[in-house]
Amino acid sequence: MLKVVVTESPAIGFSGSMSLSSPAGRTGNPGLGYGPHSQIPHTARKHGLPVFEVVRRSAPRSPLMRLRLTALTTCTAIVLAAVVAPTATAATVSSVPKVLFVDMDGMRWDKMQQAGTPNLSAVGATGQFGPAYIQDNAIAGTNSGPGHSNMFTGVWPDKHNVLDNSFNGYRKSQYPDFITRAEGLKPELSTFTTLDWTPLNTYLIDRPDVKLQQDGANQQITDRQSTDAALEMLGEHDPDLMMVYLHDVDATGHALGSDSPDYLDAIRRVDAKFGELVAAVKARATYRNERWLIVAATDHGQTGFGHGGDQHTSRQGWILAAGPGIPTTATLRREWRQVDIMPTVYRHLGLPIDPAWGLDGVPIGARSNDPFDTVPATSGVVDEAPKPEGVGGWTTALPTAWTRVDKTPAGSGVTEYRGWRLMSGEFWTTSQEGQGRGSFVRGRDVIAVADPDEWNDKGDPAAGGALFDSALTTPWVPLRKASGVQVDYLSHYKQVAAGPPQDAEVVAEFDNGVKRVLWTASAADGAKFDISKAMHLTTAVPTGATQVRVTWHLTAGNNGYWAIDAPKVAAG
């Protein structure tokens, strides 16, 4: 039962308090989880009505909540009732899309395998479930601020500009959280968030309908409060988009270490709460007339007692997504990213995505059209040091009709890097952490890598005058009487200052013998680092040409590296 009490206030005309009844027999927080340890900033702006804030203090357990209202009208009270209206009957709902997103802080993928996560694994088996690596310090630290911002904005830190937990510089107006943006696109959505890490509410999450800030003695308590709040919302009301944040695993890792048995126990506790939430979704009276998307993810991994560095275990996140239209991992295996969560949610809810937003993600379950992804990169290490389990592999194979010319001396240097090679991004990154390889975040699945720095790590061939020299070339592309050529690809290019040589170029070659250099870089010009950059190059078609092909050519000593992905050559 919802009760809104309105009394006259000399300051603003009205003041008020509100209470919500607790369901019979519930032992958790009464009234949507507004328990004795919750402080609840709450905003409502349905239909453009005035904003109000709910504040819950740590008082003896009671279903009462207190409201501070900047303005309260009869219409606002009606909207309040609508926000927490009882669940609609099955007869009034027809295949309604709904989303549950569970954000599990600091939960390492490899430790999940050790702990056992029966609830996550059961849902994951019906959709996509696997590692989702995040950036290294070339863009931002592996901290909660950047990680959560990646998930909530759909872009990487070089766009949203959250570089640490201070959120200083966050470009909020340009990249708002996906829940607030969804409210703007479809104000009738009923949205709900609950969490205990204050900066998320202070800086990142703006205006869901129900915005809970839990406050307790430890993260096990606040996770229980958030779970109970979400269970009540699912059981008694009709949410469309929910976010539940669970903090226990991260806190345990910081206090006791991510290699401790306690960390595994925390993973099991969080998995159990996830199971409660999924069970509550399925127990809804209207479940058969609803289409639920279940998403779960973490903001970062952990190494020892913390995170923030470039280590594989700190960058090791993961994503689960299951629901209509999402194939199982058994039928489609790809690398998903934190930035994919927003477009996945929007696709499910039928919300439009404006290209002007510049999102970096793709809907989870989308199939790749990248030629590199047609080639299995499964070879293990030869000269490289042993790799962490599950990072993928490499290959000398190429996509159909692609060619490579290697002039790097045969048998020299590290086998895996003796020329352009296809490999997984994490196989490459773990070759040498701390040098920015892990920030090729827009590359995914199988990428092409030319890495003279790694090549030189065996035997130092560059010291004897040997050079890394390799060229990777597309198939011939018909021009069909076009007047121009467009070359698009993702590039992660690094050269150090003058010293060891390094020269790179992108060349368009036409079948009439004309060659055009579209892009160049040289260590002779100083240091350069293009981080995960989308490249768009163009040139005119020379007279008499009917076909074109494009080459990426790198010549270097012991200098930097170059990785590319998603190449596309088009006539137009």
Protein backbone atom coordinates (compact mmCIF):
# COMPACT_ATOMS: atom_id res chain seq x y z
CA MET A 1 0.00 0.00 0.00
CA LEU A 2 1.31 3.45 -0.91
CA LYS A 3 0.44 6.37 1.33
CA VAL A 4 1.39 9.95 0.54
CA VAL A 5 0.73 12.48 3.31
CA VAL A 6 0.77 16.12 2.21
CA THR A 7 0.90 18.96 4.72
CA GLU A 8 1.27 22.68 4.22
CA SER A 9 4.79 24.15 4.41
CA PRO A 10 5.42 27.89 4.64
CA ALA A 11 8.60 27.53 2.61
CA ILE A 12 7.39 25.72 -0.48
CA GLY A 13 3.70 25.30 0.14
CA PHE A 14 3.86 21.57 0.76
CA SER A 15 5.89 18.98 2.58
CA GLY A 16 5.23 15.30 2.78
CA SER A 17 6.00 11.82 3.93
CA MET A 18 5.32 8.49 2.33
CA SER A 19 5.09 4.93 3.60
CA LEU A 20 5.02 1.66 1.75
CA SER A 21 3.61 -1.47 3.31
CA SER A 22 5.89 -4.49 3.62
CA PRO A 23 4.53 -7.73 2.15
CA ALA A 24 3.38 -10.18 4.76
CA GLY A 25 6.12 -12.49 5.92
CA ARG A 26 9.02 -10.65 4.24
CA THR A 27 12.05 -10.51 6.48
CA GLY A 28 14.10 -8.18 4.29
CA ASN A 29 13.81 -4.42 3.89
CA PRO A 30 10.22 -3.22 3.84
CA GLY A 31 8.91 -0.88 1.20
CA LEU A 32 11.08 -1.52 -1.87
CA GLY A 33 14.12 -2.21 0.24
CA TYR A 34 14.03 1.04 2.17
CA GLY A 35 15.43 -0.66 5.25
CA PRO A 36 17.15 0.78 8.30
CA HIS A 37 20.51 1.02 6.53
CA SER A 38 19.39 2.83 3.39
CA GLN A 39 19.76 6.44 2.38
CA ILE A 40 17.78 6.91 -0.76
CA PRO A 41 18.11 9.73 -3.24
CA HIS A 42 15.10 9.23 -5.45
CA THR A 43 14.02 11.26 -8.45
CA ALA A 44 10.82 11.13 -10.41
CA ARG A 45 10.20 13.15 -13.51
CA LYS A 46 7.47 11.27 -15.32
CA HIS A 47 5.56 13.46 -17.73
CA GLY A 48 7.79 16.42 -16.87
CA LEU A 49 6.49 16.80 -13.31
CA PRO A 50 8.53 18.29 -10.46
CA VAL A 51 11.46 16.34 -9.09
CA PHE A 52 11.42 15.07 -5.52
CA GLU A 53 13.87 13.23 -3.32
CA VAL A 54 13.27 10.39 -0.88
CA VAL A 55 15.63 10.24 2.08
CA ARG A 56 15.80 7.18 4.34
CA ARG A 57 17.78 7.43 7.56
CA SER A 58 19.31 4.64 9.63
CA ALA A 59 16.45 4.45 12.11
CA PRO A 60 14.75 1.47 13.80
CA ARG A 61 13.26 -0.89 11.20
CA SER A 62 10.04 0.60 9.95
CA PRO A 63 8.19 0.81 6.64
CA LEU A 64 8.12 4.59 6.87
CA MET A 65 9.98 6.76 4.40
CA ARG A 66 10.34 10.49 4.57
CA LEU A 67 10.02 12.79 1.59
CA ARG A 68 11.65 16.14 1.04
CA LEU A 69 9.85 17.71 -1.86
CA THR A 70 10.94 20.70 -3.87
CA ALA A 71 7.35 20.82 -5.01
CA LEU A 72 4.45 18.41 -4.66
CA THR A 73 1.18 18.62 -6.52
CA THR A 74 -1.75 16.28 -6.72
CA CYS A 75 -0.48 15.18 -10.13
CA THR A 76 2.95 14.44 -8.68
CA ALA A 77 1.39 12.21 -6.04
CA ILE A 78 -0.43 10.35 -8.80
CA VAL A 79 2.87 9.84 -10.60
CA LEU A 80 4.39 8.52 -7.37
CA ALA A 81 1.69 5.90 -7.24
CA ALA A 82 2.31 5.01 -10.86
CA VAL A 83 6.05 4.54 -10.35
CA VAL A 84 5.44 1.88 -7.71
CA ALA A 85 2.14 0.60 -9.04
CA PRO A 86 1.33 -3.07 -8.42
CA THR A 87 2.29 -5.52 -11.13
CA ALA A 88 -0.14 -5.50 -14.03
CA THR A 89 -2.26 -8.57 -14.58
CA ALA A 90 -1.45 -10.97 -17.38
CA ALA A 91 -4.50 -9.86 -19.28
CA THR A 92 -3.17 -6.31 -19.62
CA VAL A 93 0.33 -7.19 -20.86
CA SER A 94 1.37 -8.64 -24.20
CA SER A 95 5.01 -9.66 -24.71
CA VAL A 96 6.52 -6.69 -22.89
CA PRO A 97 10.33 -6.35 -23.13
CA LYS A 98 12.06 -5.98 -19.77
CA VAL A 99 15.67 -5.89 -18.58
CA LEU A 100 17.49 -6.98 -15.43
CA PHE A 101 21.13 -5.86 -15.27
CA VAL A 102 23.22 -7.13 -12.35
CA ASP A 103 26.51 -5.27 -11.90
CA MET A 104 28.95 -7.39 -9.83
CA ASP A 105 31.94 -5.35 -8.75
CA GLY A 106 35.49 -6.72 -8.96
CA MET A 107 34.70 -10.33 -9.90
CA ARG A 108 37.44 -12.19 -11.77
CA TRP A 109 36.48 -14.62 -14.53
CA ASP A 110 39.12 -17.22 -13.67
CA LYS A 111 38.13 -17.22 -10.00
CA MET A 112 34.49 -17.71 -10.98
CA GLN A 113 35.53 -20.96 -12.61
CA GLN A 114 37.28 -22.03 -9.40
CA ALA A 115 34.43 -21.02 -7.11
CA GLY A 116 31.63 -22.46 -9.19
CA THR A 117 28.74 -20.20 -10.16
CA PRO A 118 25.77 -22.51 -10.78
CA ASN A 119 23.24 -19.71 -11.17
CA LEU A 120 25.28 -17.57 -13.53
CA SER A 121 26.34 -20.65 -15.47
CA ALA A 122 22.77 -21.89 -15.85
CA VAL A 123 21.59 -18.58 -17.31
CA GLY A 124 24.80 -18.16 -19.29
CA ALA A 125 24.26 -21.52 -20.98
CA THR A 126 21.14 -20.07 -22.59
CA GLY A 127 22.99 -17.07 -24.05
CA GLN A 128 26.43 -15.47 -24.20
CA PHE A 129 28.79 -15.83 -21.23
CA GLY A 130 32.54 -15.28 -21.25
CA PRO A 131 35.54 -12.99 -20.63
CA ALA A 132 35.31 -9.32 -21.56
CA TYR A 133 38.68 -7.60 -21.23
CA ILE A 134 38.92 -3.90 -20.40
CA GLN A 135 41.45 -1.16 -21.17
CA ASP A 136 44.92 -0.80 -19.72
CA ASN A 137 46.50 2.39 -18.39
CA ALA A 138 47.25 3.79 -21.83
CA ILE A 139 43.61 4.95 -21.70
CA ALA A 140 42.59 4.64 -18.05
CA GLY A 141 43.29 2.51 -15.00
CA THR A 142 41.44 -0.70 -14.31
CA ASN A 143 39.35 1.05 -11.67
CA SER A 144 35.67 1.10 -10.86
CA GLY A 145 35.01 4.59 -12.20
CA PRO A 146 36.12 3.83 -15.78
CA GLY A 147 34.73 0.29 -15.72
CA HIS A 148 31.22 1.23 -14.65
CA SER A 149 31.25 4.22 -16.99
CA ASN A 150 32.11 1.93 -19.91
CA MET A 151 29.06 -0.17 -19.11
CA PHE A 152 26.67 2.68 -18.45
CA THR A 153 27.62 4.99 -21.33
CA GLY A 154 28.43 2.55 -24.15
CA VAL A 155 31.77 4.26 -24.89
CA TRP A 156 35.38 3.83 -23.78
CA PRO A 157 37.25 6.19 -21.41
CA ASP A 158 38.82 8.18 -24.25
CA LYS A 159 35.28 9.40 -24.93
CA HIS A 160 33.44 9.54 -21.59
CA ASN A 161 36.68 10.74 -19.92
CA VAL A 162 36.20 8.99 -16.58
CA LEU A 163 39.81 8.06 -15.91
CA ASP A 164 39.67 7.13 -12.20
CA ASN A 165 37.27 6.95 -9.28
CA SER A 166 37.04 10.73 -8.89
CA PHE A 167 34.90 11.00 -12.06
CA ASN A 168 36.61 14.34 -12.67
CA GLY A 169 36.16 15.37 -16.28
CA TYR A 170 33.20 13.06 -16.95
CA ARG A 171 31.48 14.27 -20.12
CA LYS A 172 28.05 13.59 -18.70
CA SER A 173 26.03 15.79 -21.02
CA GLN A 174 27.52 14.04 -24.05
CA TYR A 175 27.54 10.51 -22.63
CA PRO A 176 24.80 10.14 -19.99
CA ASP A 177 24.07 6.81 -18.36
CA PHE A 178 21.93 4.51 -20.50
CA ILE A 179 19.06 4.44 -17.97
CA THR A 180 18.65 8.21 -17.95
CA ARG A 181 18.96 8.32 -21.73
CA ALA A 182 16.30 5.60 -21.99
CA GLU A 183 13.99 7.67 -19.81
CA GLY A 184 14.40 10.56 -22.22
CA LEU A 185 13.58 8.37 -25.19
CA LYS A 186 10.64 6.62 -23.56
CA PRO A 187 9.42 8.43 -20.43
CA GLU A 188 6.81 5.78 -19.64
CA LEU A 189 9.52 3.23 -18.80
CA SER A 190 9.64 2.24 -15.14
CA THR A 191 13.31 2.26 -14.13
CA PHE A 192 14.99 1.16 -10.90
CA THR A 193 18.53 1.12 -9.51
CA THR A 194 19.95 0.01 -6.17
CA LEU A 195 23.57 0.13 -4.99
CA ASP A 196 25.87 1.01 -2.12
CA TRP A 197 28.92 2.59 -3.82
CA THR A 198 28.06 6.27 -3.48
CA PRO A 199 30.06 7.67 -6.43
CA LEU A 200 27.84 5.81 -8.88
CA ASN A 201 24.80 7.68 -7.61
CA THR A 202 26.66 10.95 -7.12
CA TYR A 203 28.36 11.16 -10.51
CA LEU A 204 27.20 8.53 -12.99
CA ILE A 205 23.60 7.39 -12.58
CA ASP A 206 21.35 10.39 -12.97
CA ARG A 207 17.57 10.04 -13.06
CA PRO A 208 15.97 6.61 -12.88
CA ASP A 209 12.50 6.55 -11.33
CA VAL A 210 13.71 4.73 -8.23
CA LYS A 211 17.31 5.38 -7.22
CA LEU A 212 18.36 3.63 -4.01
CA GLN A 213 21.54 4.26 -2.02
CA GLN A 214 22.09 1.44 0.47
CA ASP A 215 24.03 2.06 3.69
CA GLY A 216 25.17 -0.73 6.00
CA ALA A 217 27.96 -2.03 8.19
CA ASN A 218 29.54 -4.04 5.37
CA GLN A 219 29.00 -5.02 1.76
CA GLN A 220 27.36 -8.33 2.61
CA ILE A 221 24.64 -6.37 4.39
CA THR A 222 24.20 -3.79 1.65
CA ASP A 223 24.12 -6.50 -1.02
CA ARG A 224 21.34 -8.17 0.94
CA GLN A 225 19.48 -4.87 1.09
CA SER A 226 19.84 -4.27 -2.63
CA THR A 227 18.75 -7.81 -3.43
CA ASP A 228 15.70 -7.54 -1.17
CA ALA A 229 14.78 -4.20 -2.72
CA ALA A 230 14.98 -5.70 -6.20
CA LEU A 231 13.02 -8.80 -5.13
CA GLU A 232 10.23 -6.62 -3.84
CA MET A 233 10.22 -4.53 -6.98
CA LEU A 234 9.97 -7.69 -9.07
CA GLY A 235 7.32 -9.29 -6.88
CA GLU A 236 5.07 -6.33 -6.15
CA HIS A 237 5.57 -3.84 -8.96
CA ASP A 238 6.13 -3.59 -12.69
CA PRO A 239 9.67 -2.48 -13.58
CA ASP A 240 10.88 -2.29 -17.17
CA LEU A 241 14.60 -1.67 -16.64
CA MET A 242 16.41 -2.63 -13.43
CA MET A 243 20.03 -2.35 -12.29
CA VAL A 244 21.20 -4.15 -9.17
CA TYR A 245 24.77 -3.52 -7.97
CA LEU A 246 26.50 -6.11 -5.77
CA HIS A 247 29.70 -5.12 -3.96
CA ASP A 248 30.64 -8.10 -1.78
CA VAL A 249 33.24 -9.68 -4.08
CA ASP A 250 35.22 -6.49 -4.65
CA ALA A 251 35.24 -5.62 -0.96
CA THR A 252 36.40 -9.12 -0.02
CA GLY A 253 39.20 -8.97 -2.57
CA HIS A 254 40.46 -5.67 -1.20
CA ALA A 255 40.28 -6.87 2.40
CA LEU A 256 41.44 -10.48 2.12
CA GLY A 257 42.90 -10.84 -1.38
CA SER A 258 41.54 -12.20 -4.63
CA ASP A 259 43.58 -15.39 -4.17
CA SER A 260 41.99 -16.17 -0.81
CA PRO A 261 39.28 -18.76 -0.11
CA ASP A 262 37.18 -15.87 1.17
CA TYR A 263 37.13 -14.34 -2.30
CA LEU A 264 35.73 -17.57 -3.72
CA ASP A 265 33.10 -17.62 -0.95
CA ALA A 266 32.10 -14.06 -1.86
CA ILE A 267 31.67 -15.11 -5.49
CA ARG A 268 29.37 -17.92 -4.35
CA ARG A 269 27.33 -15.50 -2.24
CA VAL A 270 26.86 -13.10 -5.13
CA ASP A 271 25.99 -15.97 -7.47
CA ALA A 272 23.30 -17.07 -5.02
CA LYS A 273 21.80 -13.57 -4.98
CA PHE A 274 21.80 -13.54 -8.77
CA GLY A 275 19.88 -16.82 -8.59
CA GLU A 276 17.31 -15.22 -6.29
CA LEU A 277 16.78 -12.37 -8.73
CA VAL A 278 16.37 -14.66 -11.73
CA ALA A 279 13.94 -16.85 -9.79
CA ALA A 280 11.91 -13.74 -8.90
CA VAL A 281 11.77 -12.75 -12.56
CA LYS A 282 10.41 -16.17 -13.48
CA ALA A 283 7.93 -16.13 -10.58
CA ARG A 284 6.22 -12.97 -11.78
CA ALA A 285 2.52 -13.43 -12.48
CA THR A 286 3.03 -11.80 -15.87
CA TYR A 287 6.24 -13.62 -16.78
CA ARG A 288 4.70 -15.60 -19.64
CA ASN A 289 3.68 -12.34 -21.28
CA GLU A 290 7.08 -10.70 -20.83
CA ARG A 291 10.38 -10.97 -22.68
CA TRP A 292 13.23 -10.64 -20.21
CA LEU A 293 16.82 -9.81 -21.08
CA ILE A 294 19.18 -10.82 -18.28
CA VAL A 295 22.58 -9.10 -18.28
CA ALA A 296 25.36 -9.45 -15.73
CA ALA A 297 28.91 -8.09 -15.81
CA THR A 298 31.79 -6.79 -13.73
CA ASP A 299 33.67 -3.50 -13.86
CA HIS A 300 37.18 -4.98 -13.53
CA GLY A 301 39.12 -7.95 -12.19
CA GLN A 302 41.57 -8.01 -9.30
CA THR A 303 45.24 -8.79 -8.73
CA GLY A 304 46.12 -9.68 -5.17
CA PHE A 305 44.45 -7.10 -2.94
CA GLY A 306 43.63 -4.53 -5.60
CA HIS A 307 43.40 -3.43 -9.20
CA GLY A 308 44.12 -0.38 -11.29
CA GLY A 309 47.17 -1.74 -13.09
CA ASP A 310 47.69 -3.39 -16.47
CA GLN A 311 47.78 -6.99 -15.27
CA HIS A 312 45.78 -9.59 -17.13
CA THR A 313 43.87 -10.46 -13.94
CA SER A 314 42.93 -6.80 -13.34
CA ARG A 315 41.77 -6.38 -16.95
CA GLN A 316 39.85 -9.64 -16.87
CA GLY A 317 36.17 -8.78 -16.81
CA TRP A 318 33.27 -10.84 -18.15
CA ILE A 319 29.76 -10.44 -19.52
CA LEU A 320 26.61 -12.56 -19.47
CA ALA A 321 23.62 -11.80 -21.69
CA ALA A 322 20.64 -14.10 -22.17
CA GLY A 323 17.27 -13.45 -23.68
CA PRO A 324 15.32 -13.34 -26.93
CA GLY A 325 17.52 -13.01 -30.01
CA ILE A 326 20.80 -13.82 -28.25
CA PRO A 327 22.41 -17.04 -29.51
CA THR A 328 24.21 -19.37 -27.15
CA THR A 329 27.96 -19.32 -26.78
CA ALA A 330 27.95 -22.85 -28.20
CA THR A 331 26.64 -21.49 -31.53
CA LEU A 332 28.41 -18.10 -31.60
CA ARG A 333 31.68 -17.42 -29.82
CA ARG A 334 32.82 -13.80 -29.82
CA GLU A 335 34.54 -11.35 -27.49
CA TRP A 336 32.05 -8.96 -25.98
CA ARG A 337 32.93 -5.71 -24.27
CA GLN A 338 31.53 -3.59 -21.46
CA VAL A 339 30.44 -1.02 -24.04
CA ASP A 340 28.16 -3.63 -25.64
CA ILE A 341 25.74 -3.60 -22.70
CA MET A 342 23.99 -0.36 -23.64
CA PRO A 343 23.24 -1.25 -27.28
CA THR A 344 22.13 -4.72 -26.16
CA VAL A 345 19.64 -3.23 -23.71
CA TYR A 346 18.39 -0.71 -26.25
CA ARG A 347 17.90 -3.31 -28.94
CA HIS A 348 15.84 -5.40 -26.54
CA LEU A 349 13.69 -2.47 -25.39
CA GLY A 350 13.19 -1.27 -28.97
CA LEU A 351 14.89 2.06 -28.28
CA PRO A 352 16.55 3.86 -31.19
CA ILE A 353 20.30 4.50 -31.17
CA ASP A 354 21.39 7.76 -32.75
CA PRO A 355 24.70 7.36 -34.66
CA ALA A 356 25.57 10.86 -33.44
CA TRP A 357 26.01 9.42 -29.94
CA GLY A 358 29.19 7.72 -31.16
CA LEU A 359 28.67 4.48 -29.23
CA ASP A 360 31.56 2.04 -29.29
CA GLY A 361 29.56 -1.10 -28.59
CA VAL A 362 27.50 -3.52 -30.62
CA PRO A 363 24.48 -5.56 -29.50
CA ILE A 364 25.58 -8.80 -27.89
CA GLY A 365 24.81 -11.65 -30.24
CA ALA A 366 25.57 -9.67 -33.40
CA ARG A 367 27.68 -11.59 -35.89
CA SER A 368 31.00 -10.27 -37.14
CA ASN A 369 31.62 -9.05 -40.69
CA ASP A 370 35.36 -8.64 -40.05
CA PRO A 371 37.44 -10.75 -42.47
CA PHE A 372 40.02 -11.47 -39.76
CA ASP A 373 37.34 -13.20 -37.69
CA THR A 374 36.90 -15.85 -40.38
CA VAL A 375 40.33 -17.27 -39.46
CA PRO A 376 40.72 -19.42 -36.34
CA ALA A 377 43.67 -18.17 -34.28
CA THR A 378 44.36 -21.22 -32.14
CA SER A 379 48.10 -21.90 -32.22
CA GLY A 380 49.77 -21.90 -28.81
CA VAL A 381 53.05 -20.36 -27.73
CA VAL A 382 56.30 -21.26 -29.48
CA ASP A 383 58.88 -18.75 -28.29
CA GLU A 384 56.62 -16.68 -26.09
CA ALA A 385 56.46 -17.24 -22.33
CA PRO A 386 53.53 -19.36 -21.10
CA LYS A 387 50.19 -17.57 -21.33
CA PRO A 388 47.27 -17.45 -18.88
CA GLU A 389 44.61 -19.99 -19.63
CA GLY A 390 41.91 -18.98 -22.09
CA VAL A 391 43.61 -16.01 -23.80
CA GLY A 392 43.35 -17.47 -27.30
CA GLY A 393 46.12 -18.01 -29.80
CA TRP A 394 47.72 -16.93 -33.07
CA THR A 395 48.12 -18.10 -36.65
CA THR A 396 50.02 -17.44 -39.86
CA ALA A 397 46.84 -18.14 -41.84
CA LEU A 398 45.02 -15.28 -43.58
CA PRO A 399 41.48 -14.63 -44.78
CA THR A 400 40.56 -15.77 -48.27
CA ALA A 401 42.52 -13.93 -51.00
CA TRP A 402 44.55 -11.85 -48.52
CA THR A 403 48.33 -11.93 -49.00
CA ARG A 404 51.40 -11.20 -46.95
CA VAL A 405 54.99 -10.46 -47.96
CA ASP A 406 57.49 -11.14 -45.17
CA LYS A 407 61.05 -9.91 -45.64
CA THR A 408 61.89 -10.37 -41.97
CA PRO A 409 64.90 -12.74 -41.85
CA ALA A 410 63.78 -16.36 -41.69
CA GLY A 411 64.21 -17.92 -38.28
CA SER A 412 64.97 -14.61 -36.58
CA GLY A 413 63.37 -13.33 -33.40
CA VAL A 414 60.17 -14.56 -31.79
CA THR A 415 58.28 -16.95 -34.08
CA GLU A 416 54.84 -15.63 -33.16
CA TYR A 417 55.81 -12.10 -34.28
CA ARG A 418 57.99 -12.68 -37.35
CA GLY A 419 55.73 -10.54 -39.56
CA TRP A 420 52.05 -9.63 -39.64
CA ARG A 421 50.15 -12.33 -37.73
CA LEU A 422 46.51 -12.87 -36.80
CA MET A 423 45.85 -13.46 -33.12
CA SER A 424 43.47 -12.78 -30.26
CA GLY A 425 43.87 -9.42 -28.59
CA GLU A 426 44.61 -10.97 -25.22
CA PHE A 427 47.26 -13.31 -26.61
CA TRP A 428 48.99 -10.18 -27.86
CA THR A 429 48.42 -8.09 -24.73
CA THR A 430 49.83 -10.72 -22.40
CA SER A 431 53.07 -10.84 -24.41
CA GLN A 432 54.13 -7.69 -22.56
CA GLU A 433 51.85 -5.88 -20.14
CA GLY A 434 52.36 -2.23 -19.31
CA GLN A 435 53.14 -1.02 -22.85
CA GLY A 436 49.66 -0.07 -23.99
CA ARG A 437 48.74 -3.16 -26.01
CA GLY A 438 45.72 -3.77 -23.80
CA SER A 439 44.11 -0.49 -24.84
CA PHE A 440 43.27 -1.67 -28.35
CA VAL A 441 39.77 -1.92 -26.94
CA ARG A 442 37.93 -1.35 -30.21
CA GLY A 443 39.64 -4.33 -31.78
CA ARG A 444 38.01 -7.60 -30.87
CA ASP A 445 38.01 -11.31 -31.65
CA VAL A 446 40.87 -11.85 -34.13
CA ILE A 447 43.13 -8.90 -34.93
CA ALA A 448 46.20 -8.42 -37.15
CA VAL A 449 49.45 -7.59 -35.33
CA ALA A 450 52.89 -6.44 -36.47
CA ASP A 451 55.09 -6.17 -33.38
CA PRO A 452 58.82 -5.62 -33.98
CA ASP A 453 59.32 -4.90 -30.28
CA GLU A 454 58.15 -8.41 -29.36
CA TRP A 455 59.86 -9.98 -32.38
CA ASN A 456 63.20 -8.67 -31.15
CA ASP A 457 62.84 -10.24 -27.69
CA LYS A 458 64.54 -13.44 -28.82
CA GLY A 459 68.18 -13.09 -29.76
CA ASP A 460 68.00 -9.30 -30.30
CA PRO A 461 68.26 -9.60 -34.10
CA ALA A 462 67.92 -5.82 -34.52
CA ALA A 463 71.24 -5.34 -32.72
CA GLY A 464 72.89 -7.19 -35.61
CA GLY A 465 71.20 -4.99 -38.21
CA ALA A 466 68.18 -7.19 -38.98
CA LEU A 467 64.85 -5.44 -39.61
CA PHE A 468 61.27 -6.49 -39.14
CA ASP A 469 59.70 -6.05 -42.60
CA SER A 470 56.18 -7.24 -43.38
CA ALA A 471 53.30 -6.16 -45.63
CA LEU A 472 49.67 -7.28 -45.33
CA THR A 473 47.41 -6.84 -48.38
CA THR A 474 43.68 -7.10 -49.04
CA PRO A 475 42.16 -8.92 -52.01
CA TRP A 476 41.50 -6.94 -55.19
CA VAL A 477 38.29 -4.96 -54.87
CA PRO A 478 36.25 -4.12 -58.03
CA LEU A 479 35.77 -0.38 -58.55
CA ARG A 480 32.64 -0.64 -60.71
CA LYS A 481 33.24 2.75 -62.33
CA ALA A 482 33.49 4.50 -58.96
CA SER A 483 35.31 7.80 -58.70
CA GLY A 484 36.80 7.22 -55.24
CA VAL A 485 38.01 4.63 -52.74
CA GLN A 486 37.37 4.59 -49.00
CA VAL A 487 39.54 2.62 -46.58
CA ASP A 488 38.26 2.12 -43.03
CA TYR A 489 39.95 0.19 -40.24
CA LEU A 490 40.76 0.32 -36.55
CA SER A 491 44.38 1.14 -35.75
CA HIS A 492 46.53 0.84 -32.63
CA TYR A 493 49.92 2.23 -33.62
CA LYS A 494 52.92 3.02 -31.42
CA GLN A 495 56.41 4.23 -32.27
CA VAL A 496 59.04 5.46 -29.85
CA ALA A 497 61.22 8.49 -30.46
CA ALA A 498 64.10 8.52 -32.93
CA GLY A 499 66.64 5.80 -32.30
CA PRO A 500 65.64 2.37 -33.54
CA PRO A 501 63.98 2.87 -36.95
CA GLN A 502 60.29 2.37 -37.65
CA ASP A 503 58.37 3.31 -40.78
CA ALA A 504 54.73 2.54 -41.53
CA GLU A 505 52.52 3.20 -44.50
CA VAL A 506 49.11 2.41 -45.94
CA VAL A 507 49.19 2.15 -49.74
CA ALA A 508 46.38 1.83 -52.26
CA GLU A 509 47.49 -0.03 -55.39
CA PHE A 510 45.41 0.06 -58.58
CA ASP A 511 45.44 -2.54 -61.33
CA ASN A 512 46.75 0.02 -63.84
CA GLY A 513 50.02 0.26 -61.89
CA VAL A 514 49.26 3.45 -59.94
CA LYS A 515 50.12 3.42 -56.24
CA ARG A 516 48.93 6.02 -53.74
CA VAL A 517 50.32 6.38 -50.21
CA LEU A 518 47.31 7.12 -48.00
CA TRP A 519 49.00 7.34 -44.59
CA THR A 520 52.54 7.27 -43.19
CA ALA A 521 54.36 7.39 -39.87
CA SER A 522 58.04 7.36 -39.01
CA ALA A 523 60.03 7.18 -35.79
CA ALA A 524 62.31 9.77 -37.36
CA ASP A 525 59.51 12.25 -36.65
CA GLY A 526 59.39 11.38 -32.93
CA ALA A 527 57.13 9.39 -30.67
CA LYS A 528 53.58 8.62 -31.76
CA PHE A 529 50.78 6.62 -30.17
CA ASP A 530 47.42 6.31 -31.94
CA ILE A 531 45.31 4.49 -29.36
CA SER A 532 42.45 2.35 -30.67
CA LYS A 533 41.74 4.85 -33.40
CA ALA A 534 39.11 4.58 -36.13
CA MET A 535 40.83 5.40 -39.43
CA HIS A 536 39.08 6.68 -42.55
CA LEU A 537 41.27 7.21 -45.63
CA THR A 538 40.19 8.21 -49.13
CA THR A 539 41.68 8.60 -52.58
CA ALA A 540 40.47 9.23 -56.13
CA VAL A 541 40.39 6.45 -58.71
CA PRO A 542 42.98 7.02 -61.45
CA THR A 543 41.93 6.84 -65.08
CA GLY A 544 41.77 3.32 -66.43
CA ALA A 545 41.75 1.52 -63.05
CA THR A 546 39.15 -1.19 -62.48
CA GLN A 547 40.39 -2.73 -59.24
CA VAL A 548 42.18 -1.67 -56.05
CA ARG A 549 43.89 -3.38 -53.14
CA VAL A 550 45.33 -1.91 -49.93
CA THR A 551 48.53 -2.76 -48.07
CA TRP A 552 49.64 -2.09 -44.49
CA HIS A 553 53.47 -2.14 -44.50
CA LEU A 554 55.73 -1.91 -41.44
CA THR A 555 59.52 -1.85 -41.37
CA ALA A 556 61.30 -1.47 -38.01
CA GLY A 557 64.08 -2.36 -35.66
CA ASN A 558 63.44 -2.81 -31.95
CA ASN A 559 60.82 -0.07 -31.75
CA GLY A 560 57.04 -0.20 -31.37
CA TYR A 561 54.07 -2.06 -32.82
CA TRP A 562 50.99 -1.82 -35.03
CA ALA A 563 47.69 -3.64 -34.76
CA ILE A 564 44.67 -3.27 -37.03
CA ASP A 565 41.18 -4.71 -37.12
CA ALA A 566 37.93 -4.60 -39.08
CA PRO A 567 39.47 -3.47 -42.40
CA LYS A 568 37.05 -2.44 -45.13
CA VAL A 569 37.84 -1.22 -48.62
CA ALA A 570 34.92 0.22 -50.56
CA ALA A 571 34.48 1.92 -53.91
CA GLY A 572 32.26 4.93 -53.87
